[in-house]
Amino acid sequence: NMNNEGTVKVGGQVWSARSIDNEVIAQGEVVVIKKIVGVKLI
C-alpha cells in the first residue's frame, strides 16, 4: 500500500489490489477479497 503497488489474479483477470490492514503481501500468497473500492480489490 505504501508504494501503491499490487495485483491479484481472480477468475482469470488481473485486478489492482490493496491490503486491508496495510501489510505487505508477497507474490504467490492466497488472499480473501473483502471489498471493492473503485477498481481496486481490498
All heavy atoms as atom14 arrays in JSON, in Angstrom:
{
  "sequence": "NMNNEGTVKVGGQVWSARSIDNEVIAQGEVVVIKKIVGVKLI",
  "atom14_mask": [
    [1, 1, 1, 1, 1, 1, 1, 1, 0, 0, 0, 0, 0, 0],
    [1, 1, 1, 1, 1, 1, 1, 1, 0, 0, 0, 0, 0, 0],
    [1, 1, 1, 1, 1, 1, 1, 1, 0, 0, 0, 0, 0, 0],
    [1, 1, 1, 1, 1, 1, 1, 1, 0, 0, 0, 0, 0, 0],
    [1, 1, 1, 1, 1, 1, 1, 1, 1, 0, 0, 0, 0, 0],
    [1, 1, 1, 1, 0, 0, 0, 0, 0, 0, 0, 0, 0, 0],
    [1, 1, 1, 1, 1, 1, 1, 0, 0, 0, 0, 0, 0, 0],
    [1, 1, 1, 1, 1, 1, 1, 0, 0, 0, 0, 0, 0, 0],
    [1, 1, 1, 1, 1, 1, 1, 1, 1, 0, 0, 0, 0, 0],
    [1, 1, 1, 1, 1, 1, 1, 0, 0, 0, 0, 0, 0, 0],
    [1, 1, 1, 1, 0, 0, 0, 0, 0, 0, 0, 0, 0, 0],
    [1, 1, 1, 1, 0, 0, 0, 0, 0, 0, 0, 0, 0, 0],
    [1, 1, 1, 1, 1, 1, 1, 1, 1, 0, 0, 0, 0, 0],
    [1, 1, 1, 1, 1, 1, 1, 0, 0, 0, 0, 0, 0, 0],
    [1, 1, 1, 1, 1, 1, 1, 1, 1, 1, 1, 1, 1, 1],
    [1, 1, 1, 1, 1, 1, 0, 0, 0, 0, 0, 0, 0, 0],
    [1, 1, 1, 1, 1, 0, 0, 0, 0, 0, 0, 0, 0, 0],
    [1, 1, 1, 1, 1, 1, 1, 1, 1, 1, 1, 0, 0, 0],
    [1, 1, 1, 1, 1, 1, 0, 0, 0, 0, 0, 0, 0, 0],
    [1, 1, 1, 1, 1, 1, 1, 1, 0, 0, 0, 0, 0, 0],
    [1, 1, 1, 1, 1, 1, 1, 1, 0, 0, 0, 0, 0, 0],
    [1, 1, 1, 1, 1, 1, 1, 1, 0, 0, 0, 0, 0, 0],
    [1, 1, 1, 1, 1, 1, 1, 1, 1, 0, 0, 0, 0, 0],
    [1, 1, 1, 1, 1, 1, 1, 0, 0, 0, 0, 0, 0, 0],
    [1, 1, 1, 1, 1, 1, 1, 1, 0, 0, 0, 0, 0, 0],
    [1, 1, 1, 1, 1, 0, 0, 0, 0, 0, 0, 0, 0, 0],
    [1, 1, 1, 1, 1, 1, 1, 1, 1, 0, 0, 0, 0, 0],
    [1, 1, 1, 1, 0, 0, 0, 0, 0, 0, 0, 0, 0, 0],
    [1, 1, 1, 1, 1, 1, 1, 1, 1, 0, 0, 0, 0, 0],
    [1, 1, 1, 1, 1, 1, 1, 0, 0, 0, 0, 0, 0, 0],
    [1, 1, 1, 1, 1, 1, 1, 0, 0, 0, 0, 0, 0, 0],
    [1, 1, 1, 1, 1, 1, 1, 0, 0, 0, 0, 0, 0, 0],
    [1, 1, 1, 1, 1, 1, 1, 1, 0, 0, 0, 0, 0, 0],
    [1, 1, 1, 1, 1, 1, 1, 1, 1, 0, 0, 0, 0, 0],
    [1, 1, 1, 1, 1, 1, 1, 1, 1, 0, 0, 0, 0, 0],
    [1, 1, 1, 1, 1, 1, 1, 1, 0, 0, 0, 0, 0, 0],
    [1, 1, 1, 1, 1, 1, 1, 0, 0, 0, 0, 0, 0, 0],
    [1, 1, 1, 1, 0, 0, 0, 0, 0, 0, 0, 0, 0, 0],
    [1, 1, 1, 1, 1, 1, 1, 0, 0, 0, 0, 0, 0, 0],
    [1, 1, 1, 1, 1, 1, 1, 1, 1, 0, 0, 0, 0, 0],
    [1, 1, 1, 1, 1, 1, 1, 1, 0, 0, 0, 0, 0, 0],
    [1, 1, 1, 1, 1, 1, 1, 1, 0, 0, 0, 0, 0, 0]
  ],
  "atom14_positions": [
    [[0.82, -1.22, 0.0], [0.0, 0.0, 0.0], [0.85, 1.26, 0.0], [0.47, 2.27, -0.6], [-0.95, 0.01, 1.2], [-2.03, -1.04, 1.1], [-2.05, -1.86, 0.2], [-2.92, -1.04, 2.07], [0.0, 0.0, 0.0], [0.0, 0.0, 0.0], [0.0, 0.0, 0.0], [0.0, 0.0, 0.0], [0.0, 0.0, 0.0], [0.0, 0.0, 0.0]],
    [[2.0, 1.25, 0.7], [2.85, 2.43, 0.8], [3.38, 2.85, -0.57], [3.54, 4.03, -0.86], [4.02, 2.18, 1.75], [3.57, 1.92, 3.18], [2.66, 3.29, 3.89], [3.99, 4.31, 4.39], [0.0, 0.0, 0.0], [0.0, 0.0, 0.0], [0.0, 0.0, 0.0], [0.0, 0.0, 0.0], [0.0, 0.0, 0.0], [0.0, 0.0, 0.0]],
    [[3.65, 1.87, -1.43], [4.16, 2.16, -2.78], [3.04, 2.18, -3.82], [3.31, 2.31, -5.01], [5.22, 1.13, -3.19], [6.44, 1.21, -2.32], [6.74, 2.25, -1.74], [7.16, 0.1, -2.21], [0.0, 0.0, 0.0], [0.0, 0.0, 0.0], [0.0, 0.0, 0.0], [0.0, 0.0, 0.0], [0.0, 0.0, 0.0], [0.0, 0.0, 0.0]],
    [[1.8, 1.98, -3.37], [0.66, 1.96, -4.28], [0.82, 0.9, -5.37], [0.59, 1.15, -6.54], [0.44, 3.36, -4.9], [-0.99, 3.57, -5.32], [-1.91, 2.93, -4.82], [-1.19, 4.46, -6.27], [0.0, 0.0, 0.0], [0.0, 0.0, 0.0], [0.0, 0.0, 0.0], [0.0, 0.0, 0.0], [0.0, 0.0, 0.0], [0.0, 0.0, 0.0]],
    [[1.25, -0.3, -4.94], [1.51, -1.39, -5.86], [0.74, -2.64, -5.44], [0.42, -2.8, -4.26], [3.01, -1.75, -5.87], [3.92, -0.67, -6.29], [5.38, -1.07, -6.11], [5.68, -1.92, -5.23], [6.21, -0.53, -6.84], [0.0, 0.0, 0.0], [0.0, 0.0, 0.0], [0.0, 0.0, 0.0], [0.0, 0.0, 0.0], [0.0, 0.0, 0.0]],
    [[0.53, -3.51, -6.39], [-0.03, -4.82, -6.11], [-1.16, -5.2, -7.02], [-2.0, -4.37, -7.36], [0.0, 0.0, 0.0], [0.0, 0.0, 0.0], [0.0, 0.0, 0.0], [0.0, 0.0, 0.0], [0.0, 0.0, 0.0], [0.0, 0.0, 0.0], [0.0, 0.0, 0.0], [0.0, 0.0, 0.0], [0.0, 0.0, 0.0], [0.0, 0.0, 0.0]],
    [[-1.13, -6.46, -7.43], [-2.21, -7.01, -8.25], [-2.52, -8.43, -7.78], [-1.66, -9.11, -7.21], [-1.85, -7.04, -9.76], [-0.67, -7.82, -9.95], [-1.66, -5.65, -10.32], [0.0, 0.0, 0.0], [0.0, 0.0, 0.0], [0.0, 0.0, 0.0], [0.0, 0.0, 0.0], [0.0, 0.0, 0.0], [0.0, 0.0, 0.0], [0.0, 0.0, 0.0]],
    [[-3.75, -8.84, -8.03], [-4.15, -10.22, -7.77], [-4.83, -10.76, -9.02], [-5.33, -10.0, -9.84], [-5.11, -10.35, -6.56], [-4.43, -9.91, -5.29], [-6.39, -9.59, -6.78], [0.0, 0.0, 0.0], [0.0, 0.0, 0.0], [0.0, 0.0, 0.0], [0.0, 0.0, 0.0], [0.0, 0.0, 0.0], [0.0, 0.0, 0.0], [0.0, 0.0, 0.0]],
    [[-4.81, -12.07, -9.11], [-5.47, -12.71, -10.25], [-6.63, -13.53, -9.7], [-6.44, -14.38, -8.83], [-4.49, -13.59, -11.01], [-4.99, -14.05, -12.35], [-3.88, -14.7, -13.15], [-4.27, -14.78, -14.61], [-3.17, -15.26, -15.44], [0.0, 0.0, 0.0], [0.0, 0.0, 0.0], [0.0, 0.0, 0.0], [0.0, 0.0, 0.0], [0.0, 0.0, 0.0]],
    [[-7.81, -13.24, -10.22], [-9.0, -13.96, -9.8], [-9.9, -14.14, -11.01], [-10.12, -13.21, -11.78], [-9.74, -13.22, -8.65], [-10.16, -11.84, -9.04], [-10.93, -14.01, -8.15], [0.0, 0.0, 0.0], [0.0, 0.0, 0.0], [0.0, 0.0, 0.0], [0.0, 0.0, 0.0], [0.0, 0.0, 0.0], [0.0, 0.0, 0.0], [0.0, 0.0, 0.0]],
    [[-10.37, -15.34, -11.2], [-11.25, -15.63, -12.34], [-10.6, -15.34, -13.68], [-11.28, -14.96, -14.62], [0.0, 0.0, 0.0], [0.0, 0.0, 0.0], [0.0, 0.0, 0.0], [0.0, 0.0, 0.0], [0.0, 0.0, 0.0], [0.0, 0.0, 0.0], [0.0, 0.0, 0.0], [0.0, 0.0, 0.0], [0.0, 0.0, 0.0], [0.0, 0.0, 0.0]],
    [[-9.29, -15.5, -13.75], [-8.58, -15.26, -15.0], [-8.32, -13.8, -15.3], [-7.75, -13.47, -16.34], [0.0, 0.0, 0.0], [0.0, 0.0, 0.0], [0.0, 0.0, 0.0], [0.0, 0.0, 0.0], [0.0, 0.0, 0.0], [0.0, 0.0, 0.0], [0.0, 0.0, 0.0], [0.0, 0.0, 0.0], [0.0, 0.0, 0.0], [0.0, 0.0, 0.0]],
    [[-8.71, -12.91, -14.4], [-8.5, -11.48, -14.61], [-7.54, -10.94, -13.56], [-7.56, -11.36, -12.41], [-9.81, -10.71, -14.54], [-10.77, -11.05, -15.64], [-12.06, -10.25, -15.54], [-12.48, -9.92, -14.44], [-12.66, -9.95, -16.67], [0.0, 0.0, 0.0], [0.0, 0.0, 0.0], [0.0, 0.0, 0.0], [0.0, 0.0, 0.0], [0.0, 0.0, 0.0]],
    [[-6.74, -9.96, -13.97], [-5.81, -9.32, -13.06], [-6.43, -8.01, -12.58], [-6.9, -7.2, -13.38], [-4.46, -9.05, -13.76], [-3.51, -8.31, -12.82], [-3.83, -10.36, -14.22], [0.0, 0.0, 0.0], [0.0, 0.0, 0.0], [0.0, 0.0, 0.0], [0.0, 0.0, 0.0], [0.0, 0.0, 0.0], [0.0, 0.0, 0.0], [0.0, 0.0, 0.0]],
    [[-6.45, -7.83, -11.27], [-7.02, -6.65, -10.63], [-5.95, -5.95, -9.8], [-5.12, -6.61, -9.19], [-8.14, -7.04, -9.67], [-9.41, -7.52, -10.3], [-9.65, -8.72, -10.89], [-10.63, -6.8, -10.36], [-10.94, -8.8, -11.31], [-11.57, -7.63, -11.0], [-11.04, -5.55, -9.92], [-12.88, -7.24, -11.21], [-12.34, -5.15, -10.14], [-13.24, -5.99, -10.78]],
    [[-6.03, -4.63, -9.73], [-5.22, -3.89, -8.77], [-5.74, -4.25, -7.39], [-6.94, -4.44, -7.19], [-5.35, -2.38, -8.97], [-4.82, -2.01, -10.21], [0.0, 0.0, 0.0], [0.0, 0.0, 0.0], [0.0, 0.0, 0.0], [0.0, 0.0, 0.0], [0.0, 0.0, 0.0], [0.0, 0.0, 0.0], [0.0, 0.0, 0.0], [0.0, 0.0, 0.0]],
    [[-4.82, -4.35, -6.43], [-5.24, -4.76, -5.09], [-4.47, -3.99, -4.03], [-3.35, -3.56, -4.25], [-5.01, -6.26, -4.92], [0.0, 0.0, 0.0], [0.0, 0.0, 0.0], [0.0, 0.0, 0.0], [0.0, 0.0, 0.0], [0.0, 0.0, 0.0], [0.0, 0.0, 0.0], [0.0, 0.0, 0.0], [0.0, 0.0, 0.0], [0.0, 0.0, 0.0]],
    [[-5.12, -3.82, -2.89], [-4.51, -3.2, -1.72], [-4.9, -4.06, -0.52], [-5.99, -4.63, -0.47], [-5.01, -1.77, -1.5], [-4.71, -0.81, -2.65], [-3.19, -0.62, -2.83], [-2.91, 0.14, -4.04], [-2.55, -0.38, -5.21], [-2.44, -1.69, -5.34], [-2.29, 0.39, -6.23], [0.0, 0.0, 0.0], [0.0, 0.0, 0.0], [0.0, 0.0, 0.0]],
    [[-4.0, -4.11, 0.45], [-4.29, -4.9, 1.65], [-5.16, -4.1, 2.6], [-5.08, -2.86, 2.65], [-3.0, -5.35, 2.34], [-2.3, -4.23, 2.81], [0.0, 0.0, 0.0], [0.0, 0.0, 0.0], [0.0, 0.0, 0.0], [0.0, 0.0, 0.0], [0.0, 0.0, 0.0], [0.0, 0.0, 0.0], [0.0, 0.0, 0.0], [0.0, 0.0, 0.0]],
    [[-5.97, -4.8, 3.34], [-6.94, -4.15, 4.21], [-6.28, -3.49, 5.42], [-6.74, -2.5, 5.94], [-8.04, -5.15, 4.65], [-9.27, -4.4, 5.11], [-7.54, -6.09, 5.73], [-10.52, -5.25, 5.12], [0.0, 0.0, 0.0], [0.0, 0.0, 0.0], [0.0, 0.0, 0.0], [0.0, 0.0, 0.0], [0.0, 0.0, 0.0], [0.0, 0.0, 0.0]],
    [[-5.15, -4.05, 5.87], [-4.5, -3.54, 7.08], [-3.09, -3.01, 6.8], [-2.25, -2.98, 7.69], [-4.47, -4.63, 8.15], [-3.92, -5.93, 7.61], [-3.45, -5.95, 6.46], [-3.97, -6.94, 8.34], [0.0, 0.0, 0.0], [0.0, 0.0, 0.0], [0.0, 0.0, 0.0], [0.0, 0.0, 0.0], [0.0, 0.0, 0.0], [0.0, 0.0, 0.0]],
    [[-2.82, -2.61, 5.57], [-1.55, -2.02, 5.14], [-0.36, -2.94, 5.26], [0.78, -2.48, 5.24], [-1.27, -0.7, 5.87], [-2.23, 0.39, 5.44], [-2.61, 0.47, 4.27], [-2.64, 1.22, 6.38], [0.0, 0.0, 0.0], [0.0, 0.0, 0.0], [0.0, 0.0, 0.0], [0.0, 0.0, 0.0], [0.0, 0.0, 0.0], [0.0, 0.0, 0.0]],
    [[-0.57, -4.24, 5.39], [0.57, -5.15, 5.44], [1.01, -5.48, 4.02], [0.22, -5.45, 3.07], [0.23, -6.41, 6.23], [-0.72, -7.36, 5.53], [-0.93, -8.65, 6.31], [0.05, -9.23, 6.79], [-2.08, -9.06, 6.42], [0.0, 0.0, 0.0], [0.0, 0.0, 0.0], [0.0, 0.0, 0.0], [0.0, 0.0, 0.0], [0.0, 0.0, 0.0]],
    [[2.29, -5.79, 3.89], [2.84, -6.19, 2.59], [2.54, -7.67, 2.41], [2.8, -8.48, 3.3], [4.37, -5.92, 2.54], [4.95, -6.43, 1.24], [4.63, -4.43, 2.72], [0.0, 0.0, 0.0], [0.0, 0.0, 0.0], [0.0, 0.0, 0.0], [0.0, 0.0, 0.0], [0.0, 0.0, 0.0], [0.0, 0.0, 0.0], [0.0, 0.0, 0.0]],
    [[1.98, -8.01, 1.25], [1.64, -9.4, 0.95], [2.44, -9.83, -0.26], [2.39, -9.2, -1.32], [0.13, -9.58, 0.7], [-0.68, -9.07, 1.91], [-0.19, -11.04, 0.41], [-2.18, -9.07, 1.72], [0.0, 0.0, 0.0], [0.0, 0.0, 0.0], [0.0, 0.0, 0.0], [0.0, 0.0, 0.0], [0.0, 0.0, 0.0], [0.0, 0.0, 0.0]],
    [[3.2, -10.9, -0.1], [4.13, -11.35, -1.13], [3.42, -12.01, -2.31], [2.3, -12.51, -2.19], [5.13, -12.33, -0.53], [0.0, 0.0, 0.0], [0.0, 0.0, 0.0], [0.0, 0.0, 0.0], [0.0, 0.0, 0.0], [0.0, 0.0, 0.0], [0.0, 0.0, 0.0], [0.0, 0.0, 0.0], [0.0, 0.0, 0.0], [0.0, 0.0, 0.0]],
    [[4.13, -11.99, -3.45], [3.63, -12.64, -4.66], [3.45, -14.13, -4.39], [4.25, -14.75, -3.72], [4.63, -12.43, -5.8], [4.19, -13.07, -7.1], [5.22, -12.84, -8.22], [6.23, -12.21, -8.02], [4.92, -13.37, -9.38], [0.0, 0.0, 0.0], [0.0, 0.0, 0.0], [0.0, 0.0, 0.0], [0.0, 0.0, 0.0], [0.0, 0.0, 0.0]],
    [[2.35, -14.69, -4.91], [2.07, -16.1, -4.78], [1.19, -16.47, -3.6], [0.67, -17.58, -3.53], [0.0, 0.0, 0.0], [0.0, 0.0, 0.0], [0.0, 0.0, 0.0], [0.0, 0.0, 0.0], [0.0, 0.0, 0.0], [0.0, 0.0, 0.0], [0.0, 0.0, 0.0], [0.0, 0.0, 0.0], [0.0, 0.0, 0.0], [0.0, 0.0, 0.0]],
    [[1.03, -15.55, -2.64], [0.17, -15.84, -1.49], [-1.3, -15.8, -1.89], [-1.68, -15.16, -2.87], [0.42, -14.83, -0.36], [1.75, -15.04, 0.34], [1.81, -14.27, 1.64], [0.89, -14.45, 2.47], [2.76, -13.5, 1.81], [0.0, 0.0, 0.0], [0.0, 0.0, 0.0], [0.0, 0.0, 0.0], [0.0, 0.0, 0.0], [0.0, 0.0, 0.0]],
    [[-2.12, -16.49, -1.09], [-3.55, -16.5, -1.33], [-4.2, -15.48, -0.39], [-3.86, -15.41, 0.79], [-4.14, -17.91, -1.09], [-5.66, -17.9, -1.26], [-3.51, -18.91, -2.05], [0.0, 0.0, 0.0], [0.0, 0.0, 0.0], [0.0, 0.0, 0.0], [0.0, 0.0, 0.0], [0.0, 0.0, 0.0], [0.0, 0.0, 0.0], [0.0, 0.0, 0.0]],
    [[-5.1, -14.71, -0.95], [-5.79, -13.68, -0.18], [-7.3, -13.83, -0.34], [-7.77, -14.5, -1.26], [-5.37, -12.25, -0.64], [-3.92, -11.98, -0.3], [-5.63, -12.04, -2.11], [0.0, 0.0, 0.0], [0.0, 0.0, 0.0], [0.0, 0.0, 0.0], [0.0, 0.0, 0.0], [0.0, 0.0, 0.0], [0.0, 0.0, 0.0], [0.0, 0.0, 0.0]],
    [[-8.04, -13.2, 0.57], [-9.51, -13.18, 0.51], [-9.93, -11.76, 0.14], [-9.44, -10.8, 0.72], [-10.13, -13.56, 1.87], [-11.65, -13.5, 1.8], [-9.66, -14.93, 2.3], [0.0, 0.0, 0.0], [0.0, 0.0, 0.0], [0.0, 0.0, 0.0], [0.0, 0.0, 0.0], [0.0, 0.0, 0.0], [0.0, 0.0, 0.0], [0.0, 0.0, 0.0]],
    [[-10.83, -11.65, -0.82], [-11.33, -10.33, -1.25], [-12.38, -9.89, -0.25], [-13.4, -10.55, -0.06], [-11.9, -10.4, -2.68], [-10.82, -10.87, -3.65], [-12.49, -9.05, -3.08], [-11.33, -11.29, -5.0], [0.0, 0.0, 0.0], [0.0, 0.0, 0.0], [0.0, 0.0, 0.0], [0.0, 0.0, 0.0], [0.0, 0.0, 0.0], [0.0, 0.0, 0.0]],
    [[-12.14, -8.73, 0.39], [-13.04, -8.21, 1.42], [-14.02, -7.19, 0.88], [-15.16, -7.13, 1.32], [-12.24, -7.61, 2.58], [-11.47, -8.64, 3.38], [-12.46, -9.58, 4.01], [-11.78, -10.57, 4.93], [-12.74, -11.44, 5.59], [0.0, 0.0, 0.0], [0.0, 0.0, 0.0], [0.0, 0.0, 0.0], [0.0, 0.0, 0.0], [0.0, 0.0, 0.0]],
    [[-13.57, -6.33, -0.02], [-14.45, -5.33, -0.61], [-13.81, -4.78, -1.87], [-12.67, -5.09, -2.19], [-14.78, -4.2, 0.38], [-13.61, -3.39, 0.85], [-14.08, -2.34, 1.85], [-12.9, -1.56, 2.41], [-13.31, -0.51, 3.33], [0.0, 0.0, 0.0], [0.0, 0.0, 0.0], [0.0, 0.0, 0.0], [0.0, 0.0, 0.0], [0.0, 0.0, 0.0]],
    [[-14.58, -3.97, -2.58], [-14.11, -3.34, -3.8], [-14.27, -1.84, -3.65], [-15.35, -1.36, -3.28], [-14.88, -3.83, -5.04], [-14.74, -5.35, -5.17], [-14.42, -3.12, -6.3], [-15.63, -5.97, -6.21], [0.0, 0.0, 0.0], [0.0, 0.0, 0.0], [0.0, 0.0, 0.0], [0.0, 0.0, 0.0], [0.0, 0.0, 0.0], [0.0, 0.0, 0.0]],
    [[-13.2, -1.11, -3.89], [-13.24, 0.35, -3.84], [-12.79, 0.83, -5.21], [-11.62, 0.68, -5.57], [-12.34, 0.92, -2.72], [-12.34, 2.43, -2.77], [-12.78, 0.4, -1.36], [0.0, 0.0, 0.0], [0.0, 0.0, 0.0], [0.0, 0.0, 0.0], [0.0, 0.0, 0.0], [0.0, 0.0, 0.0], [0.0, 0.0, 0.0], [0.0, 0.0, 0.0]],
    [[-13.72, 1.41, -5.96], [-13.39, 1.83, -7.33], [-13.09, 0.6, -8.16], [-13.93, -0.28, -8.32], [0.0, 0.0, 0.0], [0.0, 0.0, 0.0], [0.0, 0.0, 0.0], [0.0, 0.0, 0.0], [0.0, 0.0, 0.0], [0.0, 0.0, 0.0], [0.0, 0.0, 0.0], [0.0, 0.0, 0.0], [0.0, 0.0, 0.0], [0.0, 0.0, 0.0]],
    [[-11.85, 0.53, -8.67], [-11.43, -0.62, -9.47], [-10.36, -1.44, -8.75], [-9.69, -2.25, -9.35], [-10.92, -0.17, -10.87], [-12.03, 0.4, -11.68], [-9.76, 0.78, -10.74], [0.0, 0.0, 0.0], [0.0, 0.0, 0.0], [0.0, 0.0, 0.0], [0.0, 0.0, 0.0], [0.0, 0.0, 0.0], [0.0, 0.0, 0.0], [0.0, 0.0, 0.0]],
    [[-10.24, -1.23, -7.45], [-9.24, -1.95, -6.66], [-9.93, -2.92, -5.71], [-10.93, -2.59, -5.08], [-8.39, -0.97, -5.85], [-7.45, -0.14, -6.68], [-6.61, 0.73, -5.78], [-5.52, 1.48, -6.48], [-5.83, 2.29, -7.56], [0.0, 0.0, 0.0], [0.0, 0.0, 0.0], [0.0, 0.0, 0.0], [0.0, 0.0, 0.0], [0.0, 0.0, 0.0]],
    [[-9.35, -4.1, -5.6], [-9.83, -5.08, -4.64], [-9.11, -4.84, -3.33], [-7.89, -4.66, -3.29], [-9.55, -6.49, -5.12], [-10.17, -6.92, -6.45], [-9.78, -8.34, -6.79], [-11.67, -6.77, -6.42], [0.0, 0.0, 0.0], [0.0, 0.0, 0.0], [0.0, 0.0, 0.0], [0.0, 0.0, 0.0], [0.0, 0.0, 0.0], [0.0, 0.0, 0.0]],
    [[-9.84, -4.81, -2.25], [-9.26, -4.71, -0.92], [-9.23, -6.13, -0.36], [-10.28, -6.77, -0.23], [-10.09, -3.76, -0.01], [-10.32, -2.42, -0.69], [-9.42, -3.62, 1.34], [-9.06, -1.65, -1.07], [0.0, 0.0, 0.0], [0.0, 0.0, 0.0], [0.0, 0.0, 0.0], [0.0, 0.0, 0.0], [0.0, 0.0, 0.0], [0.0, 0.0, 0.0]]
  ]
}
